[in-house]
Structure formats: C-alpha cells, structure tokens
Amino acid sequence: FKHIIIHPRPTVDLTWAKAEHQSPHGLIKTSWNIKNKKFTLDVTIPVNTTATVYILGKNITEGKSPTAKAKGVTFLRTEKNTSVFKVESGSYQFVSQDHQSN
C-alpha cells in the first residue's frame, strides 16, 4: 500500500462509483461520476504513499488548474485515450471534459 493504482473503468451503463479502504498507511478514498460528458474523479491518497491515476478524456484539470500546474501531480504518459499521472499524498479532484465512455 505504499503505491496505489486508481484506474476507473466507466461504461455506458456505469456512470458513478465510490470506494474507500483503510490501508496500513491511512484511508484511501476514490469516487467518480459522469455528467454531461464531464468525468469528475476525486481521490485521497494517505501520507507517505503515492498513486498512479488513470483518467480517460481530454482537457484534464486538477481543481481549477491545468494538471501541469497542480501541486503534487506529475504527468507520466498517455495510453490510447487515457492520461496517466503520478500523485503524491493528498486530496485531488480531476475533471476531464468531453469524456467518452468505453
């Protein structure tokens, strides 16, 4: 649980999900929803851990800032239509515009 992977897999029929897990390092929380082609992903990563976060879509922001300017967020790569980020411990809200479900 030192490194967590958050990889939501929305479909046409699945438009939201929410989960949390009490790990040895603290509470891991994630929730997401799709509304009007906008995908919103909230994650909380415990202290002294990191996460890889996968986000499908375009024009991704964290909070109200572009991900390139978000503290604790590092862009790693693109895999097909998915952007992959490394995040430090903390709470984040990612928003992807023009989201297309699989």
Protein backbone atom coordinates (compact mmCIF):
# COMPACT_ATOMS: atom_id res chain seq x y z
CA PHE A 1 0.00 0.00 0.00
CA LYS A 2 2.95 2.38 -0.45
CA HIS A 3 1.87 2.87 -4.07
CA ILE A 4 -1.80 2.82 -5.09
CA ILE A 5 -3.29 2.49 -8.57
CA ILE A 6 -6.54 4.33 -9.32
CA HIS A 7 -7.89 3.22 -12.68
CA PRO A 8 -11.62 3.93 -13.14
CA ARG A 9 -13.33 1.95 -15.90
CA PRO A 10 -16.64 3.70 -16.65
CA THR A 11 -19.05 2.25 -19.19
CA VAL A 12 -22.23 3.50 -20.80
CA ASP A 13 -24.26 1.79 -18.05
CA LEU A 14 -21.95 2.65 -15.12
CA THR A 15 -21.90 6.41 -14.53
CA TRP A 16 -20.57 6.65 -10.97
CA ALA A 17 -18.68 4.72 -8.31
CA LYS A 18 -17.38 5.31 -4.80
CA ALA A 19 -14.99 3.29 -2.64
CA GLU A 20 -12.67 3.60 0.32
CA HIS A 21 -10.17 1.31 2.00
CA GLN A 22 -8.39 1.60 5.34
CA SER A 23 -4.81 0.69 4.43
CA PRO A 24 -1.89 0.33 6.87
CA HIS A 25 -0.86 3.91 5.87
CA GLY A 26 -4.29 5.52 6.13
CA LEU A 27 -7.60 5.89 4.34
CA ILE A 28 -7.63 5.59 0.54
CA LYS A 29 -10.74 7.17 -0.99
CA THR A 30 -11.95 7.48 -4.54
CA SER A 31 -15.19 8.43 -6.22
CA TRP A 32 -16.10 9.38 -9.74
CA ASN A 33 -19.12 10.35 -11.83
CA ILE A 34 -20.01 11.25 -15.37
CA LYS A 35 -22.47 14.04 -16.06
CA ASN A 36 -22.98 15.85 -19.38
CA LYS A 37 -19.83 14.24 -20.86
CA LYS A 38 -17.78 15.58 -17.93
CA PHE A 39 -15.84 12.98 -15.89
CA THR A 40 -15.02 14.00 -12.31
CA LEU A 41 -12.63 11.90 -10.21
CA ASP A 42 -11.96 12.59 -6.52
CA VAL A 43 -9.07 10.76 -4.85
CA THR A 44 -7.48 10.87 -1.41
CA ILE A 45 -4.04 9.30 -1.03
CA PRO A 46 -2.65 8.73 2.50
CA VAL A 47 0.50 10.33 3.90
CA ASN A 48 3.80 8.67 2.90
CA THR A 49 2.25 6.98 -0.15
CA THR A 50 1.91 7.79 -3.85
CA ALA A 51 -0.53 6.76 -6.56
CA THR A 52 -0.78 6.29 -10.29
CA VAL A 53 -4.05 7.76 -11.54
CA TYR A 54 -5.56 6.95 -14.95
CA ILE A 55 -8.05 9.44 -16.44
CA LEU A 56 -9.91 8.89 -19.70
CA GLY A 57 -10.75 12.00 -21.70
CA LYS A 58 -9.43 15.38 -22.78
CA ASN A 59 -8.69 18.77 -21.24
CA ILE A 60 -7.95 17.41 -17.77
CA THR A 61 -7.70 19.77 -14.83
CA GLU A 62 -6.99 19.25 -11.13
CA GLY A 63 -9.08 21.58 -9.06
CA LYS A 64 -9.36 24.66 -11.25
CA SER A 65 -5.81 24.43 -12.62
CA PRO A 66 -4.28 22.61 -15.57
CA THR A 67 -2.64 19.41 -14.35
CA ALA A 68 0.78 20.79 -15.38
CA LYS A 69 0.43 23.45 -12.66
CA ALA A 70 -1.14 21.24 -9.97
CA LYS A 71 0.96 20.70 -6.86
CA GLY A 72 1.75 17.02 -6.24
CA VAL A 73 0.68 15.93 -9.75
CA THR A 74 3.13 14.72 -12.41
CA PHE A 75 2.09 13.72 -15.93
CA LEU A 76 3.66 10.35 -16.81
CA ARG A 77 2.32 9.32 -20.21
CA THR A 78 -0.67 8.81 -22.48
CA GLU A 79 -2.08 5.33 -23.15
CA LYS A 80 -4.60 5.45 -26.02
CA ASN A 81 -7.24 7.97 -24.79
CA THR A 82 -6.05 7.86 -21.17
CA SER A 83 -3.70 10.24 -19.38
CA VAL A 84 -1.60 8.72 -16.61
CA PHE A 85 -0.41 10.78 -13.63
CA LYS A 86 1.67 10.19 -10.52
CA VAL A 87 0.24 11.90 -7.45
CA GLU A 88 1.71 12.48 -4.02
CA SER A 89 -0.28 12.06 -0.81
CA GLY A 90 -3.23 14.42 -0.52
CA SER A 91 -6.70 15.02 -1.93
CA TYR A 92 -7.32 15.80 -5.59
CA GLN A 93 -10.24 16.44 -7.92
CA PHE A 94 -9.57 15.71 -11.57
CA VAL A 95 -12.05 16.80 -14.24
CA SER A 96 -11.98 15.59 -17.83
CA GLN A 97 -14.05 17.42 -20.43
CA ASP A 98 -15.65 15.66 -23.42
CA HIS A 99 -15.41 12.25 -21.77
CA GLN A 100 -16.31 9.23 -23.90
CA SER A 101 -17.15 6.01 -22.04
CA ASN A 102 -15.99 2.63 -23.32
